């Protein structure tokens, strides 16, 4: 038995499930994108079944901003892209200072500090554990590269964790606050 790993690009129509499979997300995420106007409306609806032409989805998806790209411009109809960026430092004071610098520079709309947390890791070929303070920074994809460079320059560690995850769902008000706080000329 052959297993299909992605929807057939030659098919006439894709269902919501096939669109989700193509995007690598859950069906509920596709529904959320639709409800927020962040993706094309179905080309056809039969009862409660939404259908898209594969070309509609592939063209839209190819133009979407990618994490770390500077192309995350929502003014041209692209989805709003709020990110949560995490990093960690050794002490509470270092976390507070780094958070202050990042937010004052308007590279993040806000920061949360969590800790202490215990980390287990490999470093320079040796296993270790240590106490760290985690920073969770709220930003926009347009600011990610500047934030990454800033963290790299101001971080006490030579090779710190700087990892971003997209905020897939949020209130429109929260997303707008992030953009306004970062002085971006965007609308959610």
N, C-alpha and C. Protein backbone atom coordinates (compact mmCIF):
# COMPACT_ATOMS: atom_id res chain seq x y z
N UNK A 1 0.84 -1.18 0.00
CA UNK A 1 0.00 0.00 0.00
C UNK A 1 0.89 1.25 0.00
N UNK A 2 0.63 2.17 -0.91
CA UNK A 2 1.40 3.40 -1.00
C UNK A 2 0.78 4.47 -0.10
N UNK A 3 1.62 5.18 0.63
CA UNK A 3 1.14 6.24 1.49
C UNK A 3 1.43 7.58 0.83
N UNK A 4 0.44 8.44 0.80
CA UNK A 4 0.61 9.78 0.24
C UNK A 4 1.19 10.67 1.33
N UNK A 5 2.31 11.32 1.02
CA UNK A 5 2.94 12.16 2.03
C UNK A 5 2.62 13.64 1.84
N UNK A 6 2.04 13.98 0.70
CA UNK A 6 1.61 15.36 0.49
C UNK A 6 0.48 15.34 -0.52
N UNK A 7 -0.35 16.39 -0.53
CA UNK A 7 -1.46 16.39 -1.48
C UNK A 7 -0.95 16.44 -2.92
N UNK A 8 -1.72 15.88 -3.80
CA UNK A 8 -1.37 15.81 -5.21
C UNK A 8 -1.45 17.19 -5.85
N UNK A 9 -0.32 17.75 -6.31
CA UNK A 9 -0.35 19.08 -6.92
C UNK A 9 -1.10 19.09 -8.25
N UNK A 10 -1.31 17.91 -8.83
CA UNK A 10 -2.04 17.82 -10.10
C UNK A 10 -3.54 17.68 -9.89
N UNK A 11 -3.98 17.54 -8.64
CA UNK A 11 -5.42 17.40 -8.36
C UNK A 11 -6.14 18.68 -8.76
N UNK A 12 -7.42 18.55 -9.09
CA UNK A 12 -8.19 19.74 -9.44
C UNK A 12 -8.49 20.59 -8.21
N UNK A 13 -8.77 19.92 -7.06
CA UNK A 13 -9.13 20.62 -5.84
C UNK A 13 -8.39 20.04 -4.65
N UNK A 14 -8.13 20.90 -3.64
CA UNK A 14 -7.63 20.46 -2.35
C UNK A 14 -8.68 20.79 -1.30
N UNK A 15 -8.90 19.86 -0.38
CA UNK A 15 -9.78 20.09 0.76
C UNK A 15 -9.00 20.82 1.86
N UNK A 16 -9.70 21.20 2.91
CA UNK A 16 -9.04 21.84 4.05
C UNK A 16 -7.96 20.93 4.62
N UNK A 17 -8.23 19.64 4.70
CA UNK A 17 -7.23 18.69 5.22
C UNK A 17 -5.99 18.65 4.34
N UNK A 18 -6.18 18.68 3.03
CA UNK A 18 -5.03 18.66 2.12
C UNK A 18 -4.25 19.96 2.19
N UNK A 19 -4.93 21.09 2.34
CA UNK A 19 -4.24 22.37 2.51
C UNK A 19 -3.41 22.33 3.79
N UNK A 20 -4.00 21.82 4.87
CA UNK A 20 -3.27 21.71 6.14
C UNK A 20 -2.04 20.83 5.98
N UNK A 21 -2.20 19.71 5.28
CA UNK A 21 -1.07 18.80 5.06
C UNK A 21 0.02 19.50 4.26
N UNK A 22 -0.35 20.24 3.22
CA UNK A 22 0.63 20.96 2.40
C UNK A 22 1.38 22.00 3.24
N UNK A 23 0.65 22.71 4.11
CA UNK A 23 1.26 23.75 4.93
C UNK A 23 2.02 23.20 6.13
N UNK A 24 1.75 21.93 6.47
CA UNK A 24 2.40 21.32 7.63
C UNK A 24 1.79 21.80 8.94
N UNK A 25 0.49 22.09 8.92
CA UNK A 25 -0.20 22.56 10.11
C UNK A 25 -1.44 21.70 10.35
N UNK A 26 -2.11 21.94 11.46
CA UNK A 26 -3.34 21.22 11.76
C UNK A 26 -4.51 21.89 11.04
N UNK A 27 -5.58 21.13 10.84
CA UNK A 27 -6.77 21.64 10.16
C UNK A 27 -7.29 22.89 10.88
N UNK A 28 -7.26 22.90 12.20
CA UNK A 28 -7.73 24.05 12.96
C UNK A 28 -6.94 25.32 12.66
N UNK A 29 -5.65 25.17 12.34
CA UNK A 29 -4.82 26.32 12.00
C UNK A 29 -5.28 26.92 10.68
N UNK A 30 -5.62 26.07 9.71
CA UNK A 30 -6.14 26.56 8.43
C UNK A 30 -7.43 27.35 8.68
N UNK A 31 -8.30 26.81 9.52
CA UNK A 31 -9.55 27.52 9.85
C UNK A 31 -9.25 28.86 10.50
N UNK A 32 -8.25 28.89 11.39
CA UNK A 32 -7.87 30.14 12.04
C UNK A 32 -7.35 31.15 11.01
N UNK A 33 -6.48 30.70 10.10
CA UNK A 33 -5.99 31.58 9.04
C UNK A 33 -7.16 32.17 8.25
N UNK A 34 -8.12 31.32 7.89
CA UNK A 34 -9.29 31.78 7.12
C UNK A 34 -10.08 32.81 7.91
N UNK A 35 -10.37 32.50 9.17
CA UNK A 35 -11.18 33.39 10.00
C UNK A 35 -10.53 34.75 10.19
N UNK A 36 -9.21 34.79 10.17
CA UNK A 36 -8.48 36.04 10.36
C UNK A 36 -8.13 36.73 9.05
N UNK A 37 -8.57 36.16 7.93
CA UNK A 37 -8.27 36.77 6.63
C UNK A 37 -6.82 36.65 6.24
N UNK A 38 -6.13 35.62 6.75
CA UNK A 38 -4.69 35.48 6.51
C UNK A 38 -4.37 34.51 5.38
N UNK A 39 -5.38 34.05 4.67
CA UNK A 39 -5.13 33.15 3.54
C UNK A 39 -6.26 33.34 2.54
N UNK A 40 -6.08 32.85 1.33
CA UNK A 40 -7.14 33.02 0.32
C UNK A 40 -8.42 32.31 0.73
N UNK A 41 -9.54 32.91 0.37
CA UNK A 41 -10.83 32.27 0.56
C UNK A 41 -10.90 31.05 -0.36
N UNK A 42 -11.73 30.06 -0.02
CA UNK A 42 -11.87 28.89 -0.89
C UNK A 42 -12.31 29.30 -2.30
N UNK A 43 -11.81 28.59 -3.29
CA UNK A 43 -12.24 28.82 -4.67
C UNK A 43 -13.65 28.30 -4.89
N UNK A 44 -14.06 27.35 -4.04
CA UNK A 44 -15.36 26.72 -4.20
C UNK A 44 -15.79 26.16 -2.85
N UNK A 45 -17.08 26.24 -2.55
CA UNK A 45 -17.62 25.65 -1.33
C UNK A 45 -18.82 24.79 -1.69
N UNK A 46 -18.79 23.55 -1.24
CA UNK A 46 -19.89 22.61 -1.45
C UNK A 46 -20.43 22.24 -0.07
N UNK A 47 -21.56 22.83 0.29
CA UNK A 47 -22.08 22.61 1.64
C UNK A 47 -21.10 23.18 2.66
N UNK A 48 -20.56 22.31 3.52
CA UNK A 48 -19.58 22.74 4.52
C UNK A 48 -18.15 22.40 4.11
N UNK A 49 -17.98 21.93 2.88
CA UNK A 49 -16.65 21.54 2.39
C UNK A 49 -16.05 22.68 1.57
N UNK A 50 -14.89 23.14 2.02
CA UNK A 50 -14.18 24.21 1.32
C UNK A 50 -13.13 23.59 0.41
N UNK A 51 -13.03 24.12 -0.80
CA UNK A 51 -12.10 23.59 -1.79
C UNK A 51 -11.26 24.72 -2.38
N UNK A 52 -9.98 24.44 -2.57
CA UNK A 52 -9.07 25.38 -3.19
C UNK A 52 -8.39 24.70 -4.37
N UNK A 53 -8.10 25.46 -5.40
CA UNK A 53 -7.24 24.95 -6.47
C UNK A 53 -5.82 24.91 -5.89
N UNK A 54 -5.07 23.85 -6.17
CA UNK A 54 -3.70 23.78 -5.63
C UNK A 54 -2.88 25.03 -5.95
N UNK A 55 -3.04 25.58 -7.16
CA UNK A 55 -2.28 26.77 -7.55
C UNK A 55 -2.60 27.96 -6.64
N UNK A 56 -3.84 28.07 -6.20
CA UNK A 56 -4.21 29.16 -5.29
C UNK A 56 -3.39 29.08 -4.01
N UNK A 57 -3.29 27.88 -3.45
CA UNK A 57 -2.57 27.71 -2.18
C UNK A 57 -1.06 27.79 -2.38
N UNK A 58 -0.53 27.14 -3.41
CA UNK A 58 0.93 27.15 -3.59
C UNK A 58 1.43 28.56 -3.90
N UNK A 59 0.70 29.32 -4.70
CA UNK A 59 1.11 30.70 -5.01
C UNK A 59 1.08 31.57 -3.76
N UNK A 60 0.00 31.44 -2.98
CA UNK A 60 -0.10 32.21 -1.74
C UNK A 60 1.01 31.83 -0.78
N UNK A 61 1.24 30.52 -0.62
CA UNK A 61 2.23 30.04 0.34
C UNK A 61 3.65 30.47 -0.04
N UNK A 62 3.97 30.46 -1.32
CA UNK A 62 5.31 30.87 -1.76
C UNK A 62 5.59 32.33 -1.44
N UNK A 63 4.56 33.15 -1.37
CA UNK A 63 4.74 34.57 -1.07
C UNK A 63 4.71 34.91 0.40
N UNK A 64 4.45 33.90 1.25
CA UNK A 64 4.36 34.15 2.69
C UNK A 64 5.74 34.44 3.26
N UNK A 65 5.82 35.30 4.30
CA UNK A 65 7.10 35.55 4.95
C UNK A 65 7.59 34.31 5.68
N UNK A 66 8.88 34.15 5.76
CA UNK A 66 9.50 33.04 6.47
C UNK A 66 10.19 33.57 7.72
N UNK A 67 10.27 32.74 8.74
CA UNK A 67 10.96 33.15 9.96
C UNK A 67 12.37 33.59 9.63
N UNK A 68 12.76 34.70 10.21
CA UNK A 68 14.11 35.21 9.99
C UNK A 68 14.24 36.02 8.72
N UNK A 69 13.20 36.03 7.90
CA UNK A 69 13.29 36.81 6.67
C UNK A 69 12.88 38.24 6.97
N UNK A 70 13.36 39.13 6.18
CA UNK A 70 12.99 40.52 6.33
C UNK A 70 11.79 40.83 5.44
N UNK A 71 11.22 39.80 4.82
CA UNK A 71 10.11 39.99 3.90
C UNK A 71 8.75 39.91 4.58
N UNK A 72 8.73 39.90 5.88
CA UNK A 72 7.46 39.74 6.59
C UNK A 72 6.72 41.07 6.66
N UNK A 73 6.36 41.60 5.51
CA UNK A 73 5.69 42.89 5.41
C UNK A 73 4.20 42.65 5.25
N UNK A 74 3.43 43.01 6.26
CA UNK A 74 2.00 42.76 6.18
C UNK A 74 1.28 43.82 5.38
N UNK A 75 1.93 44.89 5.01
CA UNK A 75 1.24 45.93 4.27
C UNK A 75 0.85 45.47 2.87
N UNK A 76 1.46 44.40 2.37
CA UNK A 76 1.09 43.89 1.05
C UNK A 76 0.15 42.70 1.15
N UNK A 77 -0.56 42.59 2.26
CA UNK A 77 -1.55 41.54 2.41
C UNK A 77 -1.01 40.25 2.99
N UNK A 78 0.25 40.22 3.40
CA UNK A 78 0.81 39.02 3.99
C UNK A 78 0.30 38.86 5.42
N UNK A 79 0.33 37.65 5.94
CA UNK A 79 -0.16 37.43 7.30
C UNK A 79 0.66 38.20 8.33
N UNK A 80 0.00 38.56 9.39
CA UNK A 80 0.66 39.19 10.53
C UNK A 80 1.59 38.17 11.15
N UNK A 81 2.82 38.52 11.43
CA UNK A 81 3.79 37.56 11.93
C UNK A 81 4.40 38.03 13.24
N UNK A 82 3.78 37.65 14.34
CA UNK A 82 4.32 37.92 15.67
C UNK A 82 5.16 36.72 16.06
N UNK A 83 6.33 36.98 16.64
CA UNK A 83 7.23 35.91 17.07
C UNK A 83 7.47 36.00 18.57
N UNK A 84 7.73 34.86 19.18
CA UNK A 84 8.25 34.82 20.54
C UNK A 84 9.66 34.27 20.45
N UNK A 85 10.61 35.07 20.84
CA UNK A 85 12.03 34.71 20.74
C UNK A 85 12.53 34.37 22.14
N UNK A 86 13.23 33.25 22.25
CA UNK A 86 13.75 32.86 23.56
C UNK A 86 15.27 32.85 23.56
N UNK A 87 15.80 33.21 24.71
CA UNK A 87 17.22 33.09 24.98
C UNK A 87 17.34 32.88 26.49
N UNK A 88 18.52 32.60 26.97
CA UNK A 88 18.72 32.38 28.40
C UNK A 88 20.06 32.95 28.81
N UNK A 89 20.14 33.36 30.07
CA UNK A 89 21.38 33.87 30.65
C UNK A 89 21.57 33.24 32.02
N UNK A 90 22.74 33.51 32.61
CA UNK A 90 23.12 32.81 33.84
C UNK A 90 22.48 33.36 35.12
N UNK A 91 22.17 34.66 35.15
CA UNK A 91 21.65 35.24 36.39
C UNK A 91 20.39 36.06 36.14
N UNK A 92 19.65 36.29 37.22
CA UNK A 92 18.44 37.11 37.14
C UNK A 92 18.81 38.53 36.72
N UNK A 93 19.85 39.09 37.32
CA UNK A 93 20.26 40.46 36.98
C UNK A 93 20.63 40.59 35.51
N UNK A 94 21.34 39.59 34.97
CA UNK A 94 21.70 39.63 33.55
C UNK A 94 20.45 39.56 32.67
N UNK A 95 19.46 38.78 33.10
CA UNK A 95 18.21 38.67 32.34
C UNK A 95 17.46 39.99 32.34
N UNK A 96 17.36 40.62 33.50
CA UNK A 96 16.66 41.91 33.60
C UNK A 96 17.35 42.96 32.74
N UNK A 97 18.67 43.00 32.79
CA UNK A 97 19.42 43.99 32.01
C UNK A 97 19.27 43.76 30.51
N UNK A 98 19.39 42.52 30.07
CA UNK A 98 19.25 42.22 28.64
C UNK A 98 17.83 42.53 28.17
N UNK A 99 16.82 42.18 28.96
CA UNK A 99 15.43 42.49 28.61
C UNK A 99 15.24 44.00 28.49
N UNK A 100 15.78 44.75 29.44
CA UNK A 100 15.67 46.21 29.41
C UNK A 100 16.28 46.78 28.13
N UNK A 101 17.48 46.33 27.79
CA UNK A 101 18.16 46.84 26.59
C UNK A 101 17.36 46.55 25.32
N UNK A 102 16.84 45.33 25.21
CA UNK A 102 16.11 44.92 24.01
C UNK A 102 14.81 45.71 23.87
N UNK A 103 14.07 45.86 24.96
CA UNK A 103 12.78 46.57 24.89
C UNK A 103 13.01 48.06 24.67
N UNK A 104 14.01 48.66 25.34
CA UNK A 104 14.31 50.08 25.12
C UNK A 104 14.71 50.34 23.68
N UNK A 105 15.39 49.39 23.05
CA UNK A 105 15.81 49.54 21.64
C UNK A 105 14.64 49.29 20.68
N UNK A 106 13.47 48.94 21.21
CA UNK A 106 12.27 48.64 20.42
C UNK A 106 12.49 47.50 19.43
N UNK A 107 13.30 46.54 19.87
CA UNK A 107 13.47 45.31 19.09
C UNK A 107 12.50 44.24 19.56
N UNK A 108 11.94 44.44 20.74
CA UNK A 108 10.88 43.58 21.27
C UNK A 108 9.86 44.49 21.94
N UNK A 109 8.59 44.13 21.79
CA UNK A 109 7.53 44.93 22.40
C UNK A 109 7.47 44.70 23.91
N UNK A 110 7.90 43.53 24.33
CA UNK A 110 7.89 43.20 25.74
C UNK A 110 8.75 41.98 25.99
N UNK A 111 9.04 41.74 27.25
CA UNK A 111 9.86 40.60 27.63
C UNK A 111 9.33 40.00 28.92
N UNK A 112 9.41 38.71 29.01
CA UNK A 112 9.10 38.01 30.25
C UNK A 112 10.36 37.27 30.67
N UNK A 113 10.59 37.23 31.96
CA UNK A 113 11.75 36.52 32.50
C UNK A 113 11.23 35.39 33.36
N UNK A 114 11.70 34.19 33.07
CA UNK A 114 11.27 33.00 33.78
C UNK A 114 12.49 32.35 34.41
N UNK A 115 12.38 32.01 35.68
CA UNK A 115 13.52 31.33 36.26
C UNK A 115 13.48 31.33 37.77
N UNK A 116 14.44 30.67 38.31
CA UNK A 116 15.46 29.93 37.55
C UNK A 116 14.91 28.64 36.96
N UNK A 117 15.49 28.24 35.84
CA UNK A 117 15.18 26.96 35.22
C UNK A 117 16.46 26.14 35.19
N UNK A 118 16.32 24.85 35.14
CA UNK A 118 17.48 23.97 35.05
C UNK A 118 17.59 23.47 33.61
N UNK A 119 18.75 23.62 33.02
CA UNK A 119 18.99 23.16 31.66
C UNK A 119 19.96 21.99 31.68
N UNK A 120 19.74 21.07 30.77
CA UNK A 120 20.67 19.96 30.53
C UNK A 120 21.13 20.11 29.09
N UNK A 121 22.44 19.97 28.84
CA UNK A 121 22.96 20.29 27.51
C UNK A 121 24.32 19.63 27.28
N UNK A 122 24.69 19.61 26.02
CA UNK A 122 26.05 19.26 25.62
C UNK A 122 26.75 20.56 25.27
N UNK A 123 27.98 20.75 25.76
CA UNK A 123 28.75 21.94 25.46
C UNK A 123 30.22 21.55 25.35
N UNK A 124 30.80 21.85 24.21
CA UNK A 124 32.20 21.53 23.93
C UNK A 124 32.51 20.07 24.23
N UNK A 125 31.61 19.19 23.79
CA UNK A 125 31.82 17.76 23.92
C UNK A 125 31.53 17.17 25.28
N UNK A 126 31.07 17.97 26.22
CA UNK A 126 30.79 17.47 27.56
C UNK A 126 29.34 17.74 27.94
N UNK A 127 28.75 16.78 28.67
CA UNK A 127 27.39 16.94 29.16
C UNK A 127 27.41 17.80 30.41
N UNK A 128 26.41 18.70 30.52
CA UNK A 128 26.34 19.54 31.71
C UNK A 128 24.92 19.91 32.06
N UNK A 129 24.76 20.42 33.24
CA UNK A 129 23.49 20.99 33.67
C UNK A 129 23.80 22.32 34.32
N UNK A 130 22.82 23.18 34.34
CA UNK A 130 23.05 24.48 34.96
C UNK A 130 21.75 25.23 35.18
N UNK A 131 21.83 26.20 36.07
CA UNK A 131 20.69 27.06 36.35
C UNK A 131 20.76 28.26 35.42
N UNK A 132 19.63 28.56 34.78
CA UNK A 132 19.56 29.68 33.84
C UNK A 132 18.28 30.46 34.08
N UNK A 133 18.25 31.66 33.53
CA UNK A 133 17.06 32.52 33.52
C UNK A 133 16.68 32.71 32.07
N UNK A 134 15.44 32.35 31.75
CA UNK A 134 14.97 32.39 30.36
C UNK A 134 14.28 33.72 30.07
N UNK A 135 14.57 34.29 28.91
CA UNK A 135 13.89 35.49 28.43
C UNK A 135 12.98 35.09 27.28
N UNK A 136 11.74 35.53 27.32
CA UNK A 136 10.78 35.34 26.24
C UNK A 136 10.45 36.73 25.71
N UNK A 137 10.88 36.99 24.48
CA UNK A 137 10.76 38.32 23.88
C UNK A 137 9.68 38.32 22.82
N UNK A 138 8.78 39.32 22.87
CA UNK A 138 7.69 39.43 21.90
C UNK A 138 8.11 40.41 20.81
N UNK A 139 8.15 39.94 19.56
CA UNK A 139 8.59 40.80 18.47
C UNK A 139 7.82 40.48 17.20
N UNK A 140 8.22 41.09 16.11
CA UNK A 140 7.61 40.89 14.79
C UNK A 140 8.71 40.38 13.87
N UNK A 141 8.33 39.61 12.87
CA UNK A 141 9.31 39.05 11.94
C UNK A 141 10.17 40.13 11.29
N UNK A 142 9.60 41.33 11.09
CA UNK A 142 10.39 42.43 10.51
C UNK A 142 11.56 42.83 11.41
N UNK A 143 11.45 42.57 12.68
CA UNK A 143 12.50 42.94 13.64
C UNK A 143 13.42 41.78 14.01
N UNK A 144 13.13 40.57 13.54
CA UNK A 144 13.88 39.41 14.03
C UNK A 144 15.38 39.51 13.76
N UNK A 145 15.78 39.82 12.54
CA UNK A 145 17.22 39.85 12.24
C UNK A 145 17.95 40.90 13.07
N UNK A 146 17.33 42.07 13.26
CA UNK A 146 17.94 43.10 14.11
C UNK A 146 18.01 42.64 15.56
N UNK A 147 16.95 41.98 16.03
CA UNK A 147 16.95 41.45 17.40
C UNK A 147 18.01 40.38 17.56
N UNK A 148 18.10 39.48 16.59
CA UNK A 148 19.10 38.41 16.65
C UNK A 148 20.51 39.00 16.74
N UNK A 149 20.80 39.97 15.88
CA UNK A 149 22.14 40.59 15.88
C UNK A 149 22.40 41.31 17.21
N UNK A 150 21.40 42.01 17.72
CA UNK A 150 21.53 42.71 19.00
C UNK A 150 21.83 41.73 20.13
N UNK A 151 21.05 40.64 20.18
CA UNK A 151 21.28 39.64 21.22
C UNK A 151 22.68 39.04 21.09
N UNK A 152 23.10 38.75 19.87
CA UNK A 152 24.43 38.19 19.65
C UNK A 152 25.51 39.14 20.17
N UNK A 153 25.33 40.44 19.93
CA UNK A 153 26.32 41.44 20.36
C UNK A 153 26.30 41.71 21.86
N UNK A 154 25.14 41.61 22.50
CA UNK A 154 25.01 41.99 23.91
C UNK A 154 24.90 40.81 24.88
N UNK A 155 24.89 39.61 24.35
CA UNK A 155 24.71 38.43 25.19
C UNK A 155 26.04 38.07 25.86
N UNK A 156 26.00 37.65 27.12
CA UNK A 156 27.24 37.29 27.81
C UNK A 156 27.87 35.99 27.29
N UNK A 157 27.12 35.17 26.57
CA UNK A 157 27.65 33.91 26.07
C UNK A 157 28.04 34.04 24.60
N UNK A 158 29.05 33.29 24.21
CA UNK A 158 29.54 33.35 22.83
C UNK A 158 28.54 32.76 21.83
N UNK A 159 27.88 31.68 22.21
CA UNK A 159 26.95 31.01 21.29
C UNK A 159 25.60 30.79 22.00
N UNK A 160 24.85 31.87 22.23
CA UNK A 160 23.60 31.72 22.98
C UNK A 160 22.47 31.13 22.14
N UNK A 161 21.51 30.56 22.84
CA UNK A 161 20.26 30.17 22.18
C UNK A 161 19.54 31.45 21.78
N UNK A 162 19.19 31.54 20.50
CA UNK A 162 18.31 32.60 20.01
C UNK A 162 17.35 31.88 19.08
N UNK A 163 16.19 31.53 19.61
CA UNK A 163 15.23 30.73 18.85
C UNK A 163 13.90 31.45 18.79
N UNK A 164 13.30 31.46 17.60
CA UNK A 164 12.01 32.13 17.40
C UNK A 164 10.94 31.11 17.04
N UNK A 165 9.77 31.30 17.61
CA UNK A 165 8.61 30.51 17.22
C UNK A 165 7.49 31.49 16.86
N UNK A 166 6.72 31.18 15.82
CA UNK A 166 5.63 32.08 15.45
C UNK A 166 4.48 31.98 16.44
N UNK A 167 3.85 33.10 16.70
CA UNK A 167 2.62 33.10 17.48
C UNK A 167 1.51 32.84 16.46
N UNK A 168 1.06 31.60 16.41
CA UNK A 168 0.11 31.17 15.38
C UNK A 168 -1.25 31.81 15.59
N UNK A 169 -1.66 31.96 16.83
CA UNK A 169 -2.95 32.56 17.12
C UNK A 169 -2.80 33.57 18.25
N UNK A 170 -3.42 34.73 18.08
CA UNK A 170 -3.46 35.74 19.13
C UNK A 170 -4.64 36.65 18.83
N UNK A 171 -4.95 37.51 19.77
CA UNK A 171 -6.00 38.49 19.49
C UNK A 171 -5.44 39.53 18.52
N UNK A 172 -6.33 40.11 17.73
CA UNK A 172 -5.91 41.18 16.81
C UNK A 172 -5.32 42.34 17.59
N UNK A 173 -5.88 42.62 18.76
CA UNK A 173 -5.41 43.73 19.58
C UNK A 173 -3.96 43.50 20.04
N UNK A 174 -3.64 42.28 20.43
CA UNK A 174 -2.27 41.96 20.85
C UNK A 174 -1.30 42.13 19.69
N UNK A 175 -1.66 41.58 18.52
CA UNK A 175 -0.79 41.69 17.35
C UNK A 175 -0.59 43.15 16.97
N UNK A 176 -1.65 43.95 17.03
CA UNK A 176 -1.53 45.37 16.71
C UNK A 176 -0.64 46.08 17.72
N UNK A 177 -0.75 45.70 19.00
CA UNK A 177 0.10 46.30 20.04
C UNK A 177 1.57 46.04 19.75
N UNK A 178 1.90 44.81 19.35
CA UNK A 178 3.30 44.49 19.03
C UNK A 178 3.79 45.41 17.92
N UNK A 179 3.01 45.53 16.84
CA UNK A 179 3.41 46.39 15.73
C UNK A 179 3.56 47.85 16.12
N UNK A 180 2.58 48.37 16.86
CA UNK A 180 2.63 49.78 17.29
C UNK A 180 3.83 50.02 18.21
N UNK A 181 4.05 49.12 19.13
CA UNK A 181 5.14 49.28 20.09
C UNK A 181 6.50 49.29 19.40
N UNK A 182 6.61 48.50 18.34
CA UNK A 182 7.87 48.43 17.60
C UNK A 182 7.96 49.50 16.52
N UNK A 183 6.98 50.41 16.52
CA UNK A 183 6.93 51.53 15.58
C UNK A 183 6.87 51.05 14.13
N UNK A 184 6.16 49.95 13.90
CA UNK A 184 5.99 49.44 12.55
C UNK A 184 4.71 50.01 11.96
N UNK A 185 4.74 50.33 10.69
CA UNK A 185 3.56 50.84 10.01
C UNK A 185 2.82 49.66 9.39
N UNK A 186 2.18 48.87 10.26
CA UNK A 186 1.46 47.68 9.80
C UNK A 186 0.12 47.60 10.51
N UNK A 187 -0.78 46.88 9.90
CA UNK A 187 -2.08 46.59 10.50
C UNK A 187 -2.22 45.08 10.59
N UNK A 188 -2.81 44.55 11.66
CA UNK A 188 -2.98 43.10 11.74
C UNK A 188 -4.03 42.61 10.76
